[in-house]
Amino acid sequence: MEKEEISLKVEENKNLEQESLDLNKLEEPFQEIQSKSDISLAVESEEEVFKESLKPKKQDFKRSWKDKIKQKTTSFLKNPWNLGFLVVLFLGIAIRLKYFNMESIWNDAAVHLWYAIKVTKEPLFMFSRDYLLGDHVVPQTITAFYYLFTKNAFIAGKLMALTYSVIGIIFMYLLGTEMKNKFFGLIATILFTFNHLFWFYGVRPLADAPLTVMVVLLLYSVVKLEKTKTLFWGITSAVVFILAMATKQQAIIFFFAYFLYLVIFKHKDMFQKANLISYGFPLFLIFLGSLIFKYNYLASFVTRILRLVGTEDGFLFVYSHLQWIFGSYLLVLVSIGLILVFFLQSKNFYLPSMFFVVYAIYLELGINNVEDRIVLPLLSVGILLVVYVLSELGSFTSIVFKNKKFVFPIVLILAFIFAWQSFNLGDPLIAGKENGYAGHLEAGEWIKDNVPQEAVVFAGSPRMVRAFTEREFGGPDYLKRYGGNLWWLRHEKYLDNKSAFEQDLKMLARNHEIYLEIDVWEYTQPKWYFPIQQDSINQFIGLEFQLVKMIEREVSTNQGQQKIPVIFLFKYKPN
């Protein structure tokens, strides 16, 4: 009975529900349409809101970037070591701008300036054997870039040198920070920025200071690679090694040192993709360059290393230059640093130590006539070792005295003392050479304005004249292949043979106007007239030359600063 009642109730409920549904049948279409419409409108509204939210608002975008920059700037400036770095950077730029208008230029620099000029006039020259194997590709290309805007090779070369110096100062701070901390980076930057030789060569359009900077970039990229182990820094390291070798070919020694470092200390990680790229790609390009240009870099390197007889000056010739670069006190610290690194197993400093040792040995055994500027790339590496010793000394002091407050001021004061000593060496060193080889820019401008392009110009300093007249070599002998009208007066043909010069003079005068440049600077000029005196001038006048331009400069003499004639320009006017 109960079951029947339950079933009846269920049936009744179903009927009621059905009736209810039936009653609402008339309303269903409207309700359905209405609900769909509402949903559609809601969806469309939400979509519009969503799409609108995706649209970057210019104001918000600008504000976000401004906020980020402001936040990062504020954060950067709050750190006292960063402020110290900015002061050092400002002073470093200022002391280099002090000698920006220095007129002195050397033969090597004149070659680099000419190549930079030539590549702007003949872009395909960039891919020539002369340009690529002539060394200094990157500095010359940067100089060429500046020349496009300045149209002044002198200024372009100075801007190139300044660019490298600024990059070097910045990345020395970043490198020190990565290797240890910001304080370490600041001390390294102080010693690096005010070093007298880095300053001296850093205001000249040469490749020695740029290579010194590239060593800093090499170390920084490898340090970042070892920390991150990413492909980005593997590729970056490879590119920096290539750029370093294109800055000056002796950078291949640092590449060899890096490879040796990997073999000895990182052999387990050598074939990781990022590490493999860092050395594999440069190695491939060295091999490719050897095939294309038929120049065996490896054989050249090995040959020079195997010349164990050494230089005429005997063993440890490089040491004297290191002493000049660092000073006695800092060089002692460099030596201690090399010992401490391996004794304390400071793995972060294995690579800088390898750079220092391998490059020094190579210079000692492989190259004759080593100059301070050739040794200069060891500066950055040596400074890292110096600061390493100072930091370890500071840590030891803090343990002894149980107070870390002593460490920072003591190390900072020592850094300032060393930097001040170096600055006091650098300023008079640059000032003393400020007017050396001066006057060529003015001479070049005068020739461009007054001497026809088809005229033959005999030059006692042909590289200088070529750079500032923008005229190519024309002779004698093998130099004729260049196809220009600028003749080497200091060619071996004329050095001890005045009659050879007279013969060529008469031969050329048949079809050309003849001009002559001689100067007091270039000591390799023909011995029959150099060093220039009144008798030298009389000789050329006797050969029917007429003085048309004389350039004077204030130079250092035995009697102090004096204004003297430094360049003489003649025109050949036979009766």
Protein backbone atom coordinates (compact mmCIF):
# COMPACT_ATOMS: atom_id res chain seq x y z
CA MET A 1 0.00 0.00 0.00
CA GLU A 2 2.78 2.43 0.85
CA LYS A 3 4.62 1.61 -2.34
CA GLU A 4 1.50 2.40 -4.36
CA GLU A 5 1.05 5.77 -2.59
CA ILE A 6 4.70 6.65 -3.26
CA SER A 7 4.38 5.80 -6.90
CA LEU A 8 1.20 7.88 -7.16
CA LYS A 9 2.93 10.87 -5.60
CA VAL A 10 5.83 10.54 -8.00
CA GLU A 11 3.44 10.44 -10.89
CA GLU A 12 1.59 13.51 -9.56
CA ASN A 13 4.89 15.40 -9.24
CA LYS A 14 5.88 14.53 -12.79
CA ASN A 15 2.50 15.70 -14.02
CA LEU A 16 2.81 18.95 -12.15
CA GLU A 17 6.29 19.56 -13.57
CA GLN A 18 5.02 18.75 -17.06
CA GLU A 19 2.11 21.11 -16.66
CA SER A 20 4.39 23.79 -15.44
CA LEU A 21 6.59 23.32 -18.45
CA ASP A 22 3.61 23.35 -20.76
CA LEU A 23 2.41 26.60 -19.29
CA ASN A 24 5.78 28.19 -20.02
CA LYS A 25 5.96 27.00 -23.62
CA LEU A 26 4.63 30.34 -24.90
CA GLU A 27 7.34 32.24 -23.04
CA GLU A 28 10.21 29.97 -24.13
CA PRO A 29 11.01 31.59 -27.48
CA PHE A 30 11.15 35.07 -26.02
CA GLN A 31 13.13 33.98 -22.99
CA GLU A 32 15.56 32.07 -25.20
CA ILE A 33 16.04 35.03 -27.51
CA GLN A 34 16.36 37.39 -24.62
CA SER A 35 18.90 35.21 -22.81
CA LYS A 36 20.93 34.70 -25.97
CA SER A 37 20.85 38.39 -26.65
CA ASP A 38 21.94 39.16 -23.12
CA ILE A 39 24.73 36.61 -23.30
CA SER A 40 25.85 37.88 -26.69
CA LEU A 41 25.87 41.46 -25.50
CA ALA A 42 27.74 40.48 -22.39
CA VAL A 43 30.30 38.52 -24.35
CA GLU A 44 30.73 41.33 -26.84
CA SER A 45 31.11 43.80 -24.04
CA GLU A 46 33.66 41.65 -22.29
CA GLU A 47 35.56 41.13 -25.56
CA GLU A 48 35.67 44.86 -26.16
CA VAL A 49 36.89 45.47 -22.65
CA PHE A 50 39.49 42.72 -23.06
CA LYS A 51 40.63 44.02 -26.42
CA GLU A 52 40.78 47.53 -25.06
CA SER A 53 42.86 46.31 -22.16
CA LEU A 54 45.28 44.69 -24.60
CA LYS A 55 45.77 47.91 -26.50
CA PRO A 56 48.89 49.59 -25.14
CA LYS A 57 48.05 53.05 -24.00
CA LYS A 58 50.76 55.46 -24.98
CA GLN A 59 50.58 57.30 -21.73
CA ASP A 60 50.74 54.13 -19.66
CA PHE A 61 53.56 52.76 -21.84
CA LYS A 62 55.62 55.89 -21.52
CA ARG A 63 54.84 56.10 -17.85
CA SER A 64 55.87 52.50 -17.24
CA TRP A 65 59.18 52.95 -19.03
CA LYS A 66 59.81 56.24 -17.29
CA ASP A 67 59.02 54.60 -13.98
CA LYS A 68 61.33 51.68 -14.71
CA ILE A 69 64.19 53.97 -15.77
CA LYS A 70 63.59 56.23 -12.78
CA GLN A 71 63.50 53.23 -10.44
CA LYS A 72 66.69 51.71 -11.86
CA THR A 73 68.47 55.08 -11.85
CA THR A 74 67.45 55.76 -8.27
CA SER A 75 68.52 52.27 -7.22
CA PHE A 76 71.86 52.68 -9.05
CA LEU A 77 72.57 56.07 -7.49
CA LYS A 78 71.75 54.88 -3.99
CA ASN A 79 74.77 52.59 -4.07
CA PRO A 80 77.90 54.52 -2.96
CA TRP A 81 80.21 52.34 -5.08
CA ASN A 82 78.19 53.20 -8.20
CA LEU A 83 78.51 56.89 -7.39
CA GLY A 84 82.24 56.43 -6.97
CA PHE A 85 82.39 54.73 -10.36
CA LEU A 86 80.55 57.65 -12.03
CA VAL A 87 83.08 60.07 -10.55
CA VAL A 88 85.96 57.94 -11.89
CA LEU A 89 84.29 57.71 -15.32
CA PHE A 90 83.79 61.48 -15.46
CA LEU A 91 87.40 62.18 -14.47
CA GLY A 92 88.66 59.55 -16.91
CA ILE A 93 86.83 61.22 -19.80
CA ALA A 94 87.93 64.68 -18.66
CA ILE A 95 91.67 63.91 -18.60
CA ARG A 96 91.43 62.36 -22.05
CA LEU A 97 89.56 65.35 -23.47
CA LYS A 98 92.37 67.51 -22.13
CA TYR A 99 94.60 66.19 -24.92
CA PHE A 100 91.89 65.66 -27.54
CA ASN A 101 93.34 68.38 -29.80
CA MET A 102 96.90 67.09 -29.42
CA GLU A 103 98.46 67.31 -32.87
CA SER A 104 101.04 64.57 -32.40
CA ILE A 105 100.60 61.55 -34.63
CA TRP A 106 102.84 58.57 -35.31
CA ASN A 107 103.46 56.65 -38.51
CA ASP A 108 101.38 53.65 -37.38
CA ALA A 109 98.45 55.90 -36.57
CA ALA A 110 98.75 57.59 -39.95
CA VAL A 111 98.38 54.20 -41.66
CA HIS A 112 95.23 53.41 -39.66
CA LEU A 113 93.74 56.81 -40.51
CA TRP A 114 94.43 56.32 -44.23
CA TYR A 115 92.79 52.90 -44.27
CA ALA A 116 89.76 54.38 -42.53
CA ILE A 117 89.56 57.16 -45.11
CA LYS A 118 90.04 54.78 -48.02
CA VAL A 119 87.29 52.40 -46.92
CA THR A 120 84.79 55.30 -46.90
CA LYS A 121 85.74 56.14 -50.48
CA GLU A 122 86.04 52.53 -51.66
CA PRO A 123 83.72 50.33 -49.51
CA LEU A 124 84.90 47.12 -51.21
CA PHE A 125 88.40 47.85 -49.90
CA MET A 126 87.11 46.55 -46.55
CA PHE A 127 87.19 43.02 -47.97
CA SER A 128 90.66 43.29 -49.47
CA ARG A 129 93.67 41.36 -48.25
CA ASP A 130 95.45 44.63 -47.38
CA TYR A 131 92.60 45.72 -45.10
CA LEU A 132 91.86 42.40 -43.42
CA LEU A 133 95.46 41.27 -42.94
CA GLY A 134 96.75 44.76 -42.32
CA ASP A 135 95.57 44.35 -38.72
CA HIS A 136 93.47 46.85 -36.74
CA VAL A 137 90.27 46.13 -38.72
CA VAL A 138 87.82 47.10 -35.98
CA PRO A 139 89.51 50.37 -34.85
CA GLN A 140 89.89 51.42 -38.49
CA THR A 141 86.24 50.66 -39.23
CA ILE A 142 85.09 52.67 -36.19
CA THR A 143 87.35 55.52 -37.32
CA ALA A 144 85.81 55.28 -40.80
CA PHE A 145 82.33 55.57 -39.24
CA TYR A 146 83.30 58.77 -37.42
CA TYR A 147 85.02 60.08 -40.55
CA LEU A 148 81.74 59.87 -42.47
CA PHE A 149 80.34 62.54 -40.15
CA THR A 150 83.41 64.62 -39.29
CA LYS A 151 85.26 64.53 -42.66
CA ASN A 152 88.35 64.97 -40.52
CA ALA A 153 90.57 61.89 -40.10
CA PHE A 154 92.34 63.41 -37.13
CA ILE A 155 89.16 63.99 -35.15
CA ALA A 156 87.73 60.64 -36.26
CA GLY A 157 90.80 58.83 -34.93
CA LYS A 158 90.60 60.66 -31.61
CA LEU A 159 86.90 59.82 -31.26
CA MET A 160 87.70 56.16 -31.90
CA ALA A 161 90.36 56.20 -29.16
CA LEU A 162 88.01 57.97 -26.73
CA THR A 163 85.22 55.47 -27.46
CA TYR A 164 87.44 52.54 -26.56
CA SER A 165 88.66 54.24 -23.38
CA VAL A 166 85.10 54.87 -22.16
CA ILE A 167 84.05 51.29 -22.95
CA GLY A 168 87.12 49.99 -21.13
CA ILE A 169 86.43 52.03 -17.99
CA ILE A 170 82.77 50.93 -17.88
CA PHE A 171 83.45 47.26 -18.41
CA MET A 172 86.35 47.18 -15.97
CA TYR A 173 83.84 48.16 -13.29
CA LEU A 174 81.34 45.56 -14.51
CA LEU A 175 84.05 42.89 -14.68
CA GLY A 176 85.27 43.53 -11.15
CA THR A 177 81.69 43.49 -9.92
CA GLU A 178 81.03 40.15 -11.58
CA MET A 179 84.24 38.62 -10.28
CA LYS A 180 83.74 39.69 -6.68
CA ASN A 181 81.69 42.81 -5.82
CA LYS A 182 81.18 46.49 -6.61
CA PHE A 183 83.93 47.62 -4.27
CA PHE A 184 86.35 45.30 -6.05
CA GLY A 185 85.17 46.72 -9.38
CA LEU A 186 85.62 50.31 -8.22
CA ILE A 187 89.20 49.77 -7.05
CA ALA A 188 90.08 48.00 -10.31
CA THR A 189 88.51 50.84 -12.32
CA ILE A 190 90.48 53.51 -10.45
CA LEU A 191 93.80 51.79 -11.13
CA PHE A 192 92.85 51.10 -14.75
CA THR A 193 91.50 54.57 -15.63
CA PHE A 194 94.46 56.59 -14.39
CA ASN A 195 97.24 54.29 -15.50
CA HIS A 196 99.76 56.49 -17.28
CA LEU A 197 100.35 54.23 -20.30
CA PHE A 198 96.68 53.38 -20.85
CA TRP A 199 96.07 57.11 -20.77
CA PHE A 200 99.04 57.87 -23.04
CA TYR A 201 98.09 55.39 -25.75
CA GLY A 202 94.37 55.95 -25.19
CA VAL A 203 94.54 59.45 -26.69
CA ARG A 204 96.20 58.23 -29.89
CA PRO A 205 94.54 56.52 -32.90
CA LEU A 206 96.50 53.31 -32.37
CA ALA A 207 95.30 49.75 -31.72
CA ASP A 208 97.21 49.05 -28.48
CA ALA A 209 94.79 50.71 -26.05
CA PRO A 210 91.80 49.21 -27.94
CA LEU A 211 93.30 45.72 -27.57
CA THR A 212 93.78 46.40 -23.86
CA VAL A 213 90.07 47.20 -23.67
CA MET A 214 89.17 44.08 -25.65
CA VAL A 215 90.97 41.94 -23.05
CA VAL A 216 88.58 43.41 -20.46
CA LEU A 217 85.60 42.51 -22.67
CA LEU A 218 87.00 39.01 -23.22
CA LEU A 219 87.25 38.38 -19.50
CA TYR A 220 83.80 39.84 -18.84
CA SER A 221 82.08 37.72 -21.49
CA VAL A 222 83.75 34.50 -20.31
CA VAL A 223 82.93 35.26 -16.65
CA LYS A 224 79.28 35.76 -17.62
CA LEU A 225 79.39 32.54 -19.65
CA GLU A 226 80.69 30.55 -16.71
CA LYS A 227 78.05 32.02 -14.41
CA THR A 228 75.04 31.63 -16.69
CA LYS A 229 76.11 28.73 -18.96
CA THR A 230 73.76 30.12 -21.62
CA LEU A 231 74.04 30.10 -25.40
CA PHE A 232 73.78 33.88 -25.42
CA TRP A 233 77.04 34.32 -23.53
CA GLY A 234 78.65 31.47 -25.47
CA ILE A 235 77.92 33.31 -28.71
CA THR A 236 78.89 36.66 -27.15
CA SER A 237 82.25 35.26 -26.01
CA ALA A 238 82.93 33.89 -29.50
CA VAL A 239 82.07 37.25 -31.10
CA VAL A 240 84.27 39.16 -28.64
CA PHE A 241 87.23 36.86 -29.34
CA ILE A 242 86.77 37.44 -33.07
CA LEU A 243 86.50 41.22 -32.58
CA ALA A 244 89.62 41.15 -30.40
CA MET A 245 91.63 39.37 -33.11
CA ALA A 246 90.26 41.85 -35.65
CA THR A 247 91.37 44.67 -33.36
CA LYS A 248 94.95 43.43 -33.34
CA GLN A 249 96.11 40.02 -34.45
CA GLN A 250 98.19 39.38 -31.35
CA ALA A 251 94.87 38.80 -29.57
CA ILE A 252 95.15 35.25 -30.92
CA ILE A 253 97.50 34.66 -27.96
CA PHE A 254 94.66 35.38 -25.55
CA PHE A 255 92.45 32.98 -27.49
CA PHE A 256 95.14 30.31 -27.16
CA ALA A 257 95.36 31.07 -23.42
CA TYR A 258 91.57 30.67 -23.12
CA PHE A 259 91.68 27.34 -24.94
CA LEU A 260 94.53 26.18 -22.68
CA TYR A 261 92.51 27.29 -19.65
CA LEU A 262 89.56 25.16 -20.78
CA VAL A 263 91.77 22.13 -21.38
CA ILE A 264 93.44 22.36 -17.96
CA PHE A 265 90.66 23.60 -15.70
CA LYS A 266 87.38 23.10 -17.55
CA HIS A 267 87.96 19.95 -19.62
CA LYS A 268 84.81 18.32 -18.28
CA ASP A 269 82.69 21.20 -19.59
CA MET A 270 84.52 21.83 -22.86
CA PHE A 271 81.91 20.16 -25.01
CA GLN A 272 78.88 21.80 -23.49
CA LYS A 273 77.12 23.68 -26.25
CA ALA A 274 77.76 27.20 -24.90
CA ASN A 275 81.44 26.54 -24.18
CA LEU A 276 81.91 24.77 -27.50
CA ILE A 277 80.57 27.80 -29.38
CA SER A 278 82.79 30.19 -27.41
CA TYR A 279 86.00 28.64 -28.76
CA GLY A 280 84.77 26.56 -31.71
CA PHE A 281 83.50 29.43 -33.84
CA PRO A 282 86.66 31.58 -33.52
CA LEU A 283 88.78 28.47 -34.22
CA PHE A 284 86.76 27.81 -37.36
CA LEU A 285 87.24 31.40 -38.58
CA ILE A 286 90.99 31.22 -37.94
CA PHE A 287 91.10 28.06 -40.05
CA LEU A 288 88.93 29.65 -42.73
CA GLY A 289 91.10 32.78 -42.77
CA SER A 290 94.17 30.61 -43.20
CA LEU A 291 92.62 28.96 -46.26
CA ILE A 292 91.37 32.16 -47.87
CA PHE A 293 94.43 34.31 -47.28
CA LYS A 294 96.98 31.45 -47.28
CA TYR A 295 98.31 32.62 -43.94
CA ASN A 296 98.98 29.91 -41.39
CA TYR A 297 98.27 31.56 -38.04
CA LEU A 298 99.05 28.40 -36.07
CA ALA A 299 102.39 27.83 -37.78
CA SER A 300 103.34 31.45 -37.24
CA PHE A 301 102.43 31.19 -33.59
CA VAL A 302 104.35 27.97 -33.00
CA THR A 303 107.40 29.26 -34.88
CA ARG A 304 107.61 32.32 -32.73
CA ILE A 305 107.14 30.35 -29.54
CA LEU A 306 109.94 27.99 -30.52
CA ARG A 307 112.42 30.80 -30.95
CA LEU A 308 113.82 30.05 -27.51
CA VAL A 309 117.04 31.87 -28.12
CA GLY A 310 115.12 34.96 -27.20
CA THR A 311 115.93 38.56 -27.77
CA GLU A 312 119.18 40.39 -27.97
CA ASP A 313 118.46 41.91 -24.63
CA GLY A 314 118.28 38.56 -22.92
CA PHE A 315 115.72 36.78 -20.81
CA LEU A 316 113.07 38.64 -18.84
CA PHE A 317 113.08 41.50 -21.30
CA VAL A 318 109.31 41.81 -20.89
CA TYR A 319 109.79 42.33 -17.16
CA SER A 320 111.29 45.79 -17.69
CA HIS A 321 108.20 46.86 -19.61
CA LEU A 322 105.90 45.39 -16.97
CA GLN A 323 107.78 47.40 -14.39
CA TRP A 324 107.22 50.55 -16.44
CA ILE A 325 103.51 49.78 -16.95
CA PHE A 326 102.65 48.88 -13.35
CA GLY A 327 105.40 50.43 -11.26
CA SER A 328 107.56 48.44 -8.84
CA TYR A 329 104.99 48.23 -6.03
CA LEU A 330 102.08 47.11 -8.17
CA LEU A 331 104.24 44.61 -10.05
CA VAL A 332 105.16 43.01 -6.73
CA LEU A 333 101.44 42.70 -5.98
CA VAL A 334 100.84 41.19 -9.44
CA SER A 335 103.49 38.55 -8.71
CA ILE A 336 102.01 37.81 -5.29
CA GLY A 337 98.58 37.60 -6.88
CA LEU A 338 99.70 34.95 -9.36
CA ILE A 339 101.01 32.84 -6.49
CA LEU A 340 97.99 33.36 -4.23
CA VAL A 341 95.46 32.53 -6.93
CA PHE A 342 96.76 29.01 -7.33
CA PHE A 343 97.78 28.55 -3.69
CA LEU A 344 94.33 29.53 -2.41
CA GLN A 345 92.63 27.90 -5.42
CA SER A 346 90.71 31.06 -6.30
CA LYS A 347 89.09 29.61 -9.41
CA ASN A 348 87.53 32.93 -10.45
CA PHE A 349 91.02 34.21 -11.15
CA TYR A 350 92.41 31.24 -13.04
CA LEU A 351 91.58 32.72 -16.44
CA PRO A 352 93.14 36.19 -15.80
CA SER A 353 96.24 34.40 -14.50
CA MET A 354 96.41 32.25 -17.64
CA PHE A 355 96.06 35.35 -19.79
CA PHE A 356 98.94 37.00 -17.97
CA VAL A 357 101.33 34.05 -17.95
CA VAL A 358 100.76 32.86 -21.54
CA TYR A 359 100.96 36.33 -23.08
CA ALA A 360 104.08 37.27 -21.11
CA ILE A 361 105.85 34.03 -22.09
CA TYR A 362 104.91 34.51 -25.72
CA LEU A 363 106.31 38.04 -25.78
CA GLU A 364 109.47 36.96 -24.01
CA LEU A 365 110.25 34.04 -26.29
CA GLY A 366 108.55 34.92 -29.50
CA ILE A 367 109.08 38.58 -30.33
CA ASN A 368 112.13 40.74 -30.76
CA ASN A 369 112.04 44.46 -30.05
CA VAL A 370 109.19 44.33 -27.56
CA GLU A 371 107.73 47.78 -26.81
CA ASP A 372 105.69 48.92 -23.84
CA ARG A 373 102.58 49.29 -25.98
CA ILE A 374 102.88 45.65 -27.08
CA VAL A 375 102.90 44.59 -23.42
CA LEU A 376 100.09 47.02 -22.47
CA PRO A 377 97.20 44.49 -22.96
CA LEU A 378 98.40 42.79 -19.74
CA LEU A 379 97.38 45.90 -17.79
CA SER A 380 93.78 44.90 -17.12
CA VAL A 381 94.76 41.36 -16.11
CA GLY A 382 97.51 42.59 -13.83
CA ILE A 383 95.19 45.09 -12.14
CA LEU A 384 92.69 42.33 -11.34
CA LEU A 385 95.50 40.42 -9.63
CA VAL A 386 96.55 43.54 -7.71
CA VAL A 387 93.03 44.17 -6.43
CA TYR A 388 92.71 40.48 -5.59
CA VAL A 389 95.78 40.74 -3.34
CA LEU A 390 94.48 43.95 -1.76
CA SER A 391 91.10 42.34 -1.06
CA GLU A 392 92.72 39.26 0.48
CA LEU A 393 94.95 41.52 2.56
CA GLY A 394 91.87 43.44 3.65
CA SER A 395 90.08 40.24 4.66
CA PHE A 396 93.11 39.13 6.67
CA THR A 397 93.25 42.54 8.39
CA SER A 398 89.58 42.37 9.32
CA ILE A 399 90.11 38.93 10.89
CA VAL A 400 93.13 40.10 12.89
CA PHE A 401 91.47 43.26 14.17
CA LYS A 402 87.99 41.70 14.24
CA ASN A 403 86.63 44.77 12.50
CA LYS A 404 85.69 45.06 8.84
CA LYS A 405 85.45 48.85 8.99
CA PHE A 406 89.19 49.14 8.43
CA VAL A 407 89.16 47.24 5.15
CA PHE A 408 87.36 49.64 2.80
CA PRO A 409 89.14 52.87 3.71
CA ILE A 410 92.60 51.24 3.74
CA VAL A 411 92.18 49.62 0.31
CA LEU A 412 90.57 52.78 -1.09
CA ILE A 413 93.40 54.99 0.16
CA LEU A 414 96.01 52.64 -1.32
CA ALA A 415 94.18 52.69 -4.67
CA PHE A 416 94.11 56.51 -4.67
CA ILE A 417 97.84 56.66 -3.85
CA PHE A 418 98.72 54.30 -6.71
CA ALA A 419 96.37 56.12 -9.10
CA TRP A 420 97.79 59.52 -8.15
CA GLN A 421 101.34 58.32 -8.75
CA SER A 422 100.35 56.99 -12.15
CA PHE A 423 98.51 60.21 -13.03
CA ASN A 424 101.60 62.26 -12.17
CA LEU A 425 103.58 60.09 -14.58
CA GLY A 426 101.01 60.24 -17.36
CA ASP A 427 100.30 63.97 -17.53
CA PRO A 428 103.89 65.16 -18.19
CA LEU A 429 104.48 62.10 -20.41
CA ILE A 430 101.65 63.08 -22.75
CA ALA A 431 102.42 66.81 -22.52
CA GLY A 432 106.06 66.14 -23.44
CA LYS A 433 105.00 64.32 -26.61
CA GLU A 434 102.13 66.68 -27.42
CA ASN A 435 103.86 68.42 -30.31
CA GLY A 436 105.93 65.52 -31.61
CA TYR A 437 105.32 64.89 -35.33
CA ALA A 438 103.15 67.99 -35.38
CA GLY A 439 102.29 70.08 -38.42
CA HIS A 440 101.31 67.30 -40.82
CA LEU A 441 97.61 68.10 -40.64
CA GLU A 442 98.27 71.68 -41.73
CA ALA A 443 100.69 70.49 -44.43
CA GLY A 444 98.10 68.04 -45.76
CA GLU A 445 95.41 70.71 -45.91
CA TRP A 446 97.76 73.07 -47.76
CA ILE A 447 98.63 70.39 -50.33
CA LYS A 448 94.94 69.54 -50.85
CA ASP A 449 94.14 73.22 -51.49
CA ASN A 450 97.16 74.18 -53.58
CA VAL A 451 98.65 71.13 -55.29
CA PRO A 452 96.88 69.56 -58.32
CA GLN A 453 95.86 65.92 -58.04
CA GLU A 454 98.06 64.94 -60.99
CA ALA A 455 101.18 66.56 -59.47
CA VAL A 456 103.92 64.32 -58.04
CA VAL A 457 104.64 64.87 -54.34
CA PHE A 458 107.92 63.59 -52.90
CA ALA A 459 107.44 63.10 -49.15
CA GLY A 460 109.93 62.55 -46.36
CA SER A 461 107.01 61.37 -44.21
CA PRO A 462 104.86 59.67 -46.88
CA ARG A 463 102.42 57.95 -44.51
CA MET A 464 101.58 61.24 -42.79
CA VAL A 465 101.21 63.06 -46.09
CA ARG A 466 99.05 60.25 -47.52
CA ALA A 467 96.64 60.39 -44.59
CA PHE A 468 96.17 64.16 -44.57
CA THR A 469 96.25 64.76 -48.31
CA GLU A 470 94.15 61.65 -49.02
CA ARG A 471 96.43 60.74 -51.95
CA GLU A 472 97.80 57.29 -52.67
CA PHE A 473 101.39 56.11 -53.10
CA GLY A 474 102.87 56.17 -56.57
CA GLY A 475 106.50 55.13 -56.32
CA PRO A 476 109.25 54.30 -56.60
CA ASP A 477 109.54 50.64 -57.63
CA TYR A 478 106.98 48.35 -55.99
CA LEU A 479 104.96 51.27 -54.69
CA LYS A 480 103.90 52.08 -58.25
CA ARG A 481 101.24 49.35 -57.97
CA TYR A 482 99.09 51.70 -55.89
CA GLY A 483 98.68 53.98 -58.88
CA GLY A 484 98.97 57.31 -57.08
CA ASN A 485 101.30 60.32 -57.31
CA LEU A 486 102.81 60.30 -53.81
CA TRP A 487 106.47 59.19 -53.89
CA TRP A 488 108.52 57.90 -50.94
CA LEU A 489 111.48 60.20 -50.50
CA ARG A 490 112.77 57.95 -47.73
CA HIS A 491 112.66 54.84 -49.91
CA GLU A 492 115.88 52.79 -49.69
CA LYS A 493 116.58 53.81 -53.29
CA TYR A 494 117.28 57.38 -52.12
CA LEU A 495 118.70 56.88 -48.62
CA ASP A 496 122.35 57.05 -49.65
CA ASN A 497 121.89 58.05 -53.27
CA LYS A 498 121.15 61.67 -54.02
CA SER A 499 121.78 61.11 -57.72
CA ALA A 500 118.94 58.52 -57.90
CA PHE A 501 116.57 61.17 -56.59
CA GLU A 502 117.84 63.70 -59.12
CA GLN A 503 117.37 61.24 -62.00
CA ASP A 504 113.76 60.42 -60.99
CA LEU A 505 113.10 64.12 -60.46
CA LYS A 506 114.10 65.03 -64.04
CA MET A 507 112.23 62.04 -65.45
CA LEU A 508 108.99 62.89 -63.68
CA ALA A 509 109.24 66.62 -64.35
CA ARG A 510 108.69 66.00 -68.06
CA ASN A 511 104.99 65.34 -67.51
CA HIS A 512 104.23 66.49 -63.97
CA GLU A 513 104.45 69.36 -61.56
CA ILE A 514 106.75 68.34 -58.71
CA TYR A 515 106.34 69.18 -55.02
CA LEU A 516 108.45 68.17 -52.06
CA GLU A 517 107.74 67.66 -48.32
CA ILE A 518 110.53 67.32 -45.76
CA ASP A 519 110.27 67.60 -41.98
CA VAL A 520 112.33 67.53 -38.80
CA TRP A 521 110.51 64.50 -37.39
CA GLU A 522 111.03 61.35 -39.44
CA TYR A 523 114.56 60.18 -38.72
CA THR A 524 114.58 57.54 -41.50
CA GLN A 525 114.72 60.17 -44.26
CA PRO A 526 117.72 60.17 -46.68
CA LYS A 527 121.00 60.82 -44.92
CA TRP A 528 122.20 63.34 -47.50
CA TYR A 529 119.83 65.97 -46.16
CA PHE A 530 118.64 64.73 -42.76
CA PRO A 531 118.77 66.00 -40.00
CA ILE A 532 117.44 69.17 -41.57
CA GLN A 533 119.64 72.23 -41.26
CA GLN A 534 120.20 75.28 -43.41
CA ASP A 535 122.56 73.24 -45.61
CA SER A 536 119.69 70.81 -46.26
CA ILE A 537 117.45 73.64 -47.43
CA ASN A 538 120.22 75.00 -49.61
CA GLN A 539 120.66 71.59 -51.27
CA PHE A 540 117.07 71.56 -52.49
CA ILE A 541 117.24 75.20 -53.54
CA GLY A 542 120.33 74.22 -55.53
CA LEU A 543 118.23 71.55 -57.24
CA GLU A 544 115.87 74.35 -58.38
CA PHE A 545 113.24 73.88 -55.67
CA GLN A 546 111.46 76.95 -54.30
CA LEU A 547 110.16 77.08 -50.73
CA VAL A 548 106.39 77.68 -50.90
CA LYS A 549 105.26 76.84 -47.37
CA MET A 550 106.95 76.58 -43.98
CA ILE A 551 105.08 75.29 -40.93
CA GLU A 552 106.19 76.20 -37.40
CA ARG A 553 105.28 74.72 -34.04
CA GLU A 554 106.10 75.16 -30.35
CA VAL A 555 108.32 72.20 -29.46
CA SER A 556 110.53 71.09 -26.60
CA THR A 557 114.21 71.84 -27.25
CA ASN A 558 117.41 71.91 -25.20
CA GLN A 559 116.67 75.60 -24.65
CA GLY A 560 113.08 74.89 -23.52
CA GLN A 561 109.85 75.49 -25.47
CA GLN A 562 110.59 77.22 -28.76
CA LYS A 563 108.72 77.94 -31.96
CA ILE A 564 110.71 76.40 -34.80
CA PRO A 565 110.10 75.32 -38.43
CA VAL A 566 109.03 71.66 -38.47
CA ILE A 567 107.81 71.07 -42.05
CA PHE A 568 109.00 72.52 -45.35
CA LEU A 569 107.08 72.39 -48.64
CA PHE A 570 108.88 73.09 -51.94
CA LYS A 571 107.86 73.36 -55.57
CA TYR A 572 110.20 72.30 -58.36
CA LYS A 573 110.71 75.29 -60.69
CA PRO A 574 113.54 74.63 -63.15
CA ASN A 575 114.79 77.57 -65.13
